[in-house]
Amino acid sequence: MSKTKKETKENVFEHSQAKLEFYKNYLAQYLVVLLNDQYTHAINIYDIFCGIGIYEDGNEGSPIIAIKIIEELLNKYYKNINLTINDMDTSKVNFVKKYIDENHRNRCELKTYNLDAIEMLKIINKKIYNSRKGIKNLIFIDPYGYKEIYKQNILDIMNSKNSEIIIFLPISQMYRFSKSALKDKENKSYKHLRRFIEEFFEKGHPIYQETYTNQLQYIEYIKEAFSFHEKFYSASYYISRQKKDYYALFFITNHIYGLEKILETKWKLDNLCGKGFKKTQRQTSLFSEVDKEEEKEDCFNKFKSSLITFLQKYRTNIELYKFILRSGFLPKYAIEILKTKELKFDRQVRKNSFYMTYKYYKEEDIKYKVRIK
């Protein structure tokens, strides 16, 4: 076994820790929201690639993170939360099951499988469609690549309207080989990447024309593809170990409130731009802070520009709320910008009250129309 593969089993690398931190934070928010929802009676969490669970360096993997959060919440709430773990490696599943049986369980029902991802997703899809109303599902897909990610599987799950998906992808690898995969159709080593691109991107998309210039743009393309022409809400969170080494988490939901919760998670973990985790090289604190401020300023300037463009014609508070979230920002950041602009309302509105919350969106409560003067 190579040193890199051995170390991966024994330790959690920094980029993997960032991924798990994201999952932990979102899961805690997701479950609390659903447990307080009177229409949700039970919650199913599916971990498609559960891994070892506990690493030799003491760090916890996704199934142990999940069971700890579940256990804590089930001491406060009286609803059912079920955890399903799967991995092709039987020894990993058995280890996780034994660890959970001996240390946790509580009222959580644990189910285990040893299937490849495609078969597991078929089972999940069948369970979702046969379940009664009031059942919500979160599917965490953390593959060892991208060959198990099929458009139809994702679409089938999302069409159930009661599920959310988190997918982790190795962006650097995909970015590096995309051009070759599309050009060299005889090379079988590229077939999975080529199939992924051809399934998720229509002909004529910039990804075929090689007009993307960096990995962040590539991430944006995939995020947009996972929205299925804005049928669903999607978000991304990049994780960078080095300047040219990117991974990304992608989130898909039917519900705009689910999007808001994932954005809260992103901004909690990255208070500069809410975009991702970046391991910075050791440098003087002065230059580090300067770089951070420049990055934040650039991020907010781009959002400010797009917001002003959007407000060139009248928009309702509901339209604003939706636009802001789809832009990857939270309403409070937009309010900071709007307070500095001369605005024209179609009716009298209390000063600095913008009514851009899920409550007004849900109730279709239009409080005003507004544009830039």
Protein backbone atom coordinates (compact mmCIF):
# COMPACT_ATOMS: atom_id res chain seq x y z
CA MET A 1 0.00 0.00 0.00
CA SER A 2 1.31 3.43 -0.88
CA LYS A 3 2.04 5.89 1.90
CA THR A 4 -0.72 8.24 0.73
CA LYS A 5 -3.42 5.56 0.82
CA LYS A 6 -2.22 4.29 4.19
CA GLU A 7 -2.23 7.78 5.67
CA THR A 8 -5.74 8.37 4.33
CA LYS A 9 -6.98 5.38 6.33
CA GLU A 10 -5.14 6.40 9.49
CA ASN A 11 -5.65 10.16 9.44
CA VAL A 12 -8.16 12.75 8.33
CA PHE A 13 -6.47 15.23 6.02
CA GLU A 14 -7.28 18.90 6.44
CA HIS A 15 -9.54 19.02 3.39
CA SER A 16 -11.47 15.99 4.66
CA GLN A 17 -11.81 17.60 8.07
CA ALA A 18 -13.27 20.71 6.41
CA LYS A 19 -15.76 18.50 4.56
CA LEU A 20 -16.79 16.75 7.78
CA GLU A 21 -17.09 20.07 9.62
CA PHE A 22 -19.47 21.29 6.92
CA TYR A 23 -21.53 18.08 7.17
CA LYS A 24 -21.64 18.32 10.97
CA ASN A 25 -22.78 21.95 11.00
CA TYR A 26 -25.41 21.46 8.34
CA LEU A 27 -26.74 18.23 9.85
CA ALA A 28 -27.22 19.91 13.23
CA GLN A 29 -29.23 22.75 11.61
CA TYR A 30 -31.15 20.47 9.25
CA LEU A 31 -32.35 18.14 11.99
CA VAL A 32 -33.42 20.89 14.38
CA VAL A 33 -35.51 22.56 11.67
CA LEU A 34 -37.23 19.28 10.79
CA LEU A 35 -37.76 18.25 14.40
CA ASN A 36 -39.59 21.53 14.99
CA ASP A 37 -41.68 21.12 11.84
CA GLN A 38 -45.16 19.86 12.71
CA TYR A 39 -45.50 18.22 9.28
CA THR A 40 -42.35 16.09 9.63
CA HIS A 41 -42.90 12.81 11.51
CA ALA A 42 -39.63 11.00 10.79
CA ILE A 43 -36.21 11.69 9.30
CA ASN A 44 -33.99 9.31 7.34
CA ILE A 45 -30.26 9.95 6.90
CA TYR A 46 -28.44 7.91 4.27
CA ASP A 47 -24.63 7.75 4.26
CA ILE A 48 -23.76 6.11 0.94
CA PHE A 49 -19.98 5.82 1.53
CA CYS A 50 -19.75 5.63 5.32
CA GLY A 51 -16.03 4.75 5.50
CA ILE A 52 -14.24 3.58 8.63
CA GLY A 53 -16.13 5.78 11.10
CA ILE A 54 -13.25 6.31 13.53
CA TYR A 55 -9.77 7.00 12.17
CA GLU A 56 -6.57 5.93 13.87
CA ASP A 57 -5.72 9.54 14.66
CA GLY A 58 -8.94 9.75 16.72
CA ASN A 59 -10.98 11.83 14.27
CA GLU A 60 -14.59 10.86 13.59
CA GLY A 61 -16.02 10.09 10.18
CA SER A 62 -19.49 10.95 8.88
CA PRO A 63 -21.49 8.09 10.47
CA ILE A 64 -20.16 8.82 13.97
CA ILE A 65 -20.72 12.55 13.52
CA ALA A 66 -24.31 11.78 12.51
CA ILE A 67 -25.07 9.37 15.37
CA LYS A 68 -23.71 11.80 17.99
CA ILE A 69 -25.91 14.64 16.72
CA ILE A 70 -28.91 12.30 16.49
CA GLU A 71 -28.34 11.01 20.02
CA GLU A 72 -28.17 14.52 21.45
CA LEU A 73 -31.33 15.64 19.67
CA LEU A 74 -33.34 12.54 20.56
CA ASN A 75 -32.87 13.45 24.21
CA LYS A 76 -34.87 16.63 23.49
CA TYR A 77 -37.33 15.63 20.77
CA TYR A 78 -39.76 12.74 20.37
CA LYS A 79 -39.59 11.98 16.69
CA ASN A 80 -37.93 9.18 14.78
CA ILE A 81 -34.49 9.67 13.21
CA ASN A 82 -33.11 6.72 11.27
CA LEU A 83 -29.53 6.28 10.05
CA THR A 84 -28.60 4.04 7.12
CA ILE A 85 -24.93 3.38 6.39
CA ASN A 86 -23.44 1.73 3.34
CA ASP A 87 -20.01 0.86 2.02
CA MET A 88 -18.69 -1.73 -0.40
CA ASP A 89 -16.06 -2.64 2.21
CA THR A 90 -17.86 -4.98 4.61
CA SER A 91 -15.22 -4.55 7.31
CA LYS A 92 -15.87 -0.79 7.45
CA VAL A 93 -19.61 -1.20 7.84
CA ASN A 94 -19.17 -3.89 10.49
CA PHE A 95 -16.72 -1.71 12.42
CA VAL A 96 -19.08 1.29 12.36
CA LYS A 97 -22.07 -0.85 13.38
CA LYS A 98 -20.14 -2.40 16.28
CA TYR A 99 -18.92 0.99 17.46
CA ILE A 100 -22.40 2.51 17.34
CA ASP A 101 -24.00 -0.53 19.03
CA GLU A 102 -21.49 -0.34 21.88
CA ASN A 103 -21.43 3.43 22.34
CA HIS A 104 -24.56 5.12 21.06
CA ARG A 105 -27.78 3.86 19.41
CA ASN A 106 -30.31 5.54 21.80
CA ARG A 107 -33.66 5.49 19.93
CA CYS A 108 -32.07 5.75 16.50
CA GLU A 109 -32.76 2.88 14.13
CA LEU A 110 -29.55 1.82 12.36
CA LYS A 111 -29.58 -0.06 9.05
CA THR A 112 -26.51 -1.32 7.19
CA TYR A 113 -25.77 -2.28 3.58
CA ASN A 114 -22.77 -3.47 1.56
CA LEU A 115 -23.70 -2.34 -1.93
CA ASP A 116 -22.19 -0.29 -4.71
CA ALA A 117 -23.51 3.26 -4.82
CA ILE A 118 -25.74 2.75 -7.86
CA GLU A 119 -27.59 -0.16 -6.27
CA MET A 120 -27.81 1.67 -2.95
CA LEU A 121 -29.32 4.75 -4.58
CA LYS A 122 -31.91 2.55 -6.31
CA ILE A 123 -32.94 1.12 -2.94
CA ILE A 124 -33.11 4.60 -1.41
CA ASN A 125 -35.19 5.89 -4.30
CA LYS A 126 -37.65 3.00 -3.90
CA LYS A 127 -37.90 3.60 -0.13
CA ILE A 128 -38.49 7.31 -0.65
CA TYR A 129 -41.32 6.80 -3.13
CA ASN A 130 -42.99 4.15 -0.98
CA SER A 131 -42.79 6.16 2.23
CA ARG A 132 -45.76 7.94 3.76
CA LYS A 133 -46.13 11.69 3.95
CA GLY A 134 -44.14 13.50 6.58
CA ILE A 135 -40.90 11.57 5.99
CA LYS A 136 -37.85 13.69 5.13
CA ASN A 137 -34.57 12.35 3.77
CA LEU A 138 -30.97 13.54 3.65
CA ILE A 139 -28.62 11.64 1.35
CA PHE A 140 -24.88 12.16 1.86
CA ILE A 141 -22.84 10.96 -1.13
CA ASP A 142 -19.09 11.04 -0.53
CA PRO A 143 -17.66 8.84 -3.30
CA TYR A 144 -14.10 7.98 -4.16
CA GLY A 145 -14.43 9.92 -7.40
CA TYR A 146 -17.39 10.68 -9.66
CA LYS A 147 -18.15 7.48 -11.58
CA GLU A 148 -21.10 6.64 -9.28
CA ILE A 149 -22.81 10.00 -9.85
CA TYR A 150 -25.56 9.59 -12.44
CA LYS A 151 -27.96 12.33 -13.44
CA GLN A 152 -31.06 10.14 -13.43
CA ASN A 153 -30.39 8.83 -9.92
CA ILE A 154 -30.10 12.37 -8.59
CA LEU A 155 -33.16 13.51 -10.51
CA ASP A 156 -35.27 10.57 -9.33
CA ILE A 157 -34.51 11.30 -5.68
CA MET A 158 -35.09 15.04 -6.00
CA ASN A 159 -38.38 14.56 -7.85
CA SER A 160 -39.76 12.96 -4.69
CA LYS A 161 -39.83 16.51 -3.24
CA ASN A 162 -38.98 15.27 0.26
CA SER A 163 -35.21 14.87 0.04
CA GLU A 164 -31.97 16.83 0.11
CA ILE A 165 -28.63 15.67 -1.23
CA ILE A 166 -25.02 16.54 -0.38
CA ILE A 167 -22.39 15.37 -2.89
CA PHE A 168 -18.60 15.60 -2.53
CA LEU A 169 -16.53 15.74 -5.74
CA PRO A 170 -12.77 15.87 -6.55
CA ILE A 171 -12.82 19.06 -8.62
CA SER A 172 -9.10 19.26 -9.43
CA GLN A 173 -9.12 15.83 -11.00
CA MET A 174 -12.26 16.52 -13.00
CA TYR A 175 -11.03 19.95 -14.09
CA ARG A 176 -7.63 18.61 -15.11
CA PHE A 177 -8.97 15.87 -17.37
CA SER A 178 -12.21 17.34 -18.76
CA LYS A 179 -10.69 18.66 -21.97
CA SER A 180 -8.96 15.36 -22.70
CA ALA A 181 -12.08 13.36 -21.84
CA LEU A 182 -14.12 15.30 -24.39
CA LYS A 183 -11.49 15.13 -27.10
CA ASP A 184 -10.07 11.62 -26.69
CA LYS A 185 -13.21 9.50 -26.88
CA GLU A 186 -11.23 6.32 -27.49
CA ASN A 187 -9.47 6.49 -24.14
CA LYS A 188 -11.46 4.31 -21.73
CA SER A 189 -9.86 5.89 -18.67
CA TYR A 190 -11.90 9.03 -19.39
CA LYS A 191 -15.27 7.31 -19.94
CA HIS A 192 -16.76 8.06 -16.50
CA LEU A 193 -15.83 11.74 -16.61
CA ARG A 194 -17.01 12.07 -20.20
CA ARG A 195 -20.31 10.40 -19.28
CA PHE A 196 -20.72 12.77 -16.29
CA ILE A 197 -20.17 15.84 -18.48
CA GLU A 198 -22.45 14.63 -21.28
CA GLU A 199 -25.24 13.78 -18.82
CA PHE A 200 -25.20 17.01 -16.83
CA PHE A 201 -24.30 19.54 -19.55
CA GLU A 202 -26.14 20.18 -22.77
CA LYS A 203 -24.23 20.60 -26.02
CA GLY A 204 -23.16 24.20 -26.46
CA HIS A 205 -22.45 24.70 -22.76
CA PRO A 206 -19.17 26.58 -22.10
CA ILE A 207 -17.72 23.43 -20.54
CA TYR A 208 -17.51 21.95 -24.06
CA GLN A 209 -15.99 25.12 -25.47
CA GLU A 210 -13.24 25.14 -22.83
CA THR A 211 -13.94 28.77 -21.94
CA TYR A 212 -13.65 28.21 -18.19
CA THR A 213 -10.44 29.64 -16.78
CA ASN A 214 -10.20 28.21 -13.27
CA GLN A 215 -11.53 25.57 -10.92
CA LEU A 216 -13.90 27.94 -9.13
CA GLN A 217 -15.69 28.57 -12.43
CA TYR A 218 -15.82 24.80 -12.97
CA ILE A 219 -17.44 24.41 -9.54
CA GLU A 220 -19.99 27.06 -10.48
CA TYR A 221 -20.89 25.14 -13.64
CA ILE A 222 -21.53 21.94 -11.68
CA LYS A 223 -23.55 23.81 -9.06
CA GLU A 224 -25.77 25.25 -11.82
CA ALA A 225 -26.12 21.83 -13.43
CA PHE A 226 -27.32 20.34 -10.13
CA SER A 227 -30.17 22.88 -10.07
CA PHE A 228 -31.54 21.22 -13.25
CA HIS A 229 -32.40 24.55 -14.91
CA GLU A 230 -33.45 26.01 -11.53
CA LYS A 231 -36.00 23.27 -10.92
CA PHE A 232 -34.21 22.79 -7.60
CA TYR A 233 -32.05 25.00 -5.41
CA SER A 234 -28.34 24.25 -5.36
CA ALA A 235 -25.26 25.54 -3.56
CA SER A 236 -21.54 24.74 -3.51
CA TYR A 237 -18.76 24.94 -0.94
CA TYR A 238 -15.18 24.61 -2.14
CA ILE A 239 -12.36 23.05 -0.14
CA SER A 240 -8.80 23.86 -1.16
CA ARG A 241 -5.71 22.18 0.27
CA GLN A 242 -3.34 24.04 -2.00
CA LYS A 243 -3.67 26.78 -4.60
CA LYS A 244 -4.42 24.31 -7.40
CA ASP A 245 -6.01 21.47 -5.45
CA TYR A 246 -9.79 21.84 -5.06
CA TYR A 247 -12.63 19.66 -3.86
CA ALA A 248 -16.24 20.78 -3.47
CA LEU A 249 -19.44 19.92 -1.67
CA PHE A 250 -22.66 20.38 -3.61
CA PHE A 251 -26.08 20.69 -2.01
CA ILE A 252 -29.44 20.14 -3.73
CA THR A 253 -32.87 20.84 -2.28
CA ASN A 254 -36.46 21.43 -3.40
CA HIS A 255 -36.99 23.98 -0.68
CA ILE A 256 -35.75 27.56 -0.57
CA TYR A 257 -35.62 27.36 3.23
CA GLY A 258 -33.23 24.42 2.87
CA LEU A 259 -31.08 26.66 0.67
CA GLU A 260 -31.12 29.38 3.33
CA LYS A 261 -30.00 26.89 5.99
CA ILE A 262 -27.09 25.64 3.86
CA LEU A 263 -26.04 29.24 3.21
CA GLU A 264 -26.06 29.90 6.95
CA THR A 265 -23.74 26.92 7.34
CA LYS A 266 -21.43 28.22 4.61
CA TRP A 267 -21.23 31.72 6.07
CA LYS A 268 -20.63 30.33 9.54
CA LEU A 269 -17.62 28.39 8.26
CA ASP A 270 -16.40 31.14 5.89
CA ASN A 271 -17.29 34.61 7.18
CA LEU A 272 -15.42 36.30 4.33
CA CYS A 273 -17.48 35.19 1.35
CA GLY A 274 -19.47 32.13 2.39
CA LYS A 275 -17.82 30.18 -0.40
CA GLY A 276 -15.39 27.67 1.05
CA PHE A 277 -12.40 26.51 3.05
CA LYS A 278 -8.90 27.40 1.95
CA LYS A 279 -5.72 26.19 3.62
CA THR A 280 -3.35 29.17 3.56
CA GLN A 281 0.39 28.85 3.56
CA ARG A 282 2.25 30.22 6.57
CA GLN A 283 2.80 33.94 5.97
CA THR A 284 3.05 37.18 7.94
CA SER A 285 -0.19 38.16 9.65
CA LEU A 286 -0.10 41.56 7.92
CA PHE A 287 -0.24 40.14 4.40
CA SER A 288 -2.70 37.47 5.46
CA GLU A 289 -5.17 40.06 6.73
CA VAL A 290 -4.66 42.24 3.64
CA ASP A 291 -5.39 39.27 1.37
CA LYS A 292 -8.53 38.43 3.33
CA GLU A 293 -9.86 41.97 3.14
CA GLU A 294 -9.19 42.13 -0.61
CA GLU A 295 -10.98 38.81 -1.12
CA LYS A 296 -13.96 39.95 0.93
CA GLU A 297 -14.16 43.30 -0.89
CA ASP A 298 -14.03 41.62 -4.30
CA CYS A 299 -16.72 39.13 -3.28
CA PHE A 300 -19.11 41.80 -2.00
CA ASN A 301 -18.47 44.16 -4.93
CA LYS A 302 -19.53 41.45 -7.37
CA PHE A 303 -22.68 40.78 -5.39
CA LYS A 304 -23.39 44.50 -5.07
CA SER A 305 -23.08 44.93 -8.83
CA SER A 306 -25.43 42.04 -9.58
CA LEU A 307 -27.94 43.28 -6.98
CA ILE A 308 -27.98 46.79 -8.50
CA THR A 309 -28.46 45.31 -11.97
CA PHE A 310 -31.33 43.19 -10.66
CA LEU A 311 -32.98 46.32 -9.21
CA GLN A 312 -32.97 48.29 -12.45
CA LYS A 313 -36.67 47.47 -12.59
CA TYR A 314 -39.22 47.03 -9.82
CA ARG A 315 -38.83 43.90 -7.68
CA THR A 316 -40.93 42.61 -4.80
CA ASN A 317 -39.55 41.63 -1.40
CA ILE A 318 -40.20 38.00 -2.37
CA GLU A 319 -38.28 38.33 -5.64
CA LEU A 320 -35.40 39.96 -3.77
CA TYR A 321 -35.31 37.19 -1.16
CA LYS A 322 -35.11 34.52 -3.86
CA PHE A 323 -32.48 36.39 -5.90
CA ILE A 324 -30.25 36.98 -2.87
CA LEU A 325 -30.28 33.32 -1.80
CA ARG A 326 -29.66 32.04 -5.32
CA SER A 327 -26.68 34.43 -5.42
CA GLY A 328 -25.18 32.66 -2.41
CA PHE A 329 -25.78 35.50 0.07
CA LEU A 330 -28.04 35.97 3.06
CA PRO A 331 -30.62 38.80 3.23
CA LYS A 332 -28.69 40.64 5.97
CA TYR A 333 -25.80 41.25 3.56
CA ALA A 334 -28.13 42.65 0.92
CA ILE A 335 -29.76 44.93 3.48
CA GLU A 336 -26.36 46.44 4.29
CA ILE A 337 -26.00 47.35 0.62
CA LEU A 338 -29.58 48.57 0.13
CA LYS A 339 -29.30 50.95 3.08
CA THR A 340 -26.61 52.85 1.17
CA LYS A 341 -28.68 53.28 -2.01
CA GLU A 342 -31.45 55.63 -3.05
CA LEU A 343 -34.46 53.42 -3.54
CA LYS A 344 -37.88 54.05 -5.06
CA PHE A 345 -40.77 52.09 -3.51
CA ASP A 346 -44.22 51.70 -5.02
CA ARG A 347 -45.80 52.29 -1.60
CA GLN A 348 -44.89 53.61 1.81
CA VAL A 349 -42.61 51.25 3.74
CA ARG A 350 -41.16 51.60 7.21
CA LYS A 351 -37.54 52.76 6.92
CA ASN A 352 -34.97 49.95 6.63
CA SER A 353 -37.67 47.27 6.72
CA PHE A 354 -37.20 44.99 3.74
CA TYR A 355 -39.29 41.92 4.70
CA MET A 356 -36.93 39.47 3.01
CA THR A 357 -37.50 36.33 5.06
CA TYR A 358 -38.89 32.87 4.48
CA LYS A 359 -42.06 33.82 6.38
CA TYR A 360 -43.08 36.38 3.74
CA TYR A 361 -41.93 34.10 0.90
CA LYS A 362 -44.01 31.21 2.24
CA GLU A 363 -47.10 33.36 2.70
CA GLU A 364 -46.56 35.12 -0.65
CA ASP A 365 -46.87 38.34 1.33
CA ILE A 366 -45.77 41.13 -1.01
CA LYS A 367 -44.97 44.18 1.09
CA TYR A 368 -43.65 46.42 -1.70
CA LYS A 369 -42.00 46.76 -5.07
CA VAL A 370 -38.68 48.57 -5.20
CA ARG A 371 -36.00 49.64 -7.66
CA ILE A 372 -32.86 51.74 -7.69
CA LYS A 373 -33.60 55.44 -8.30
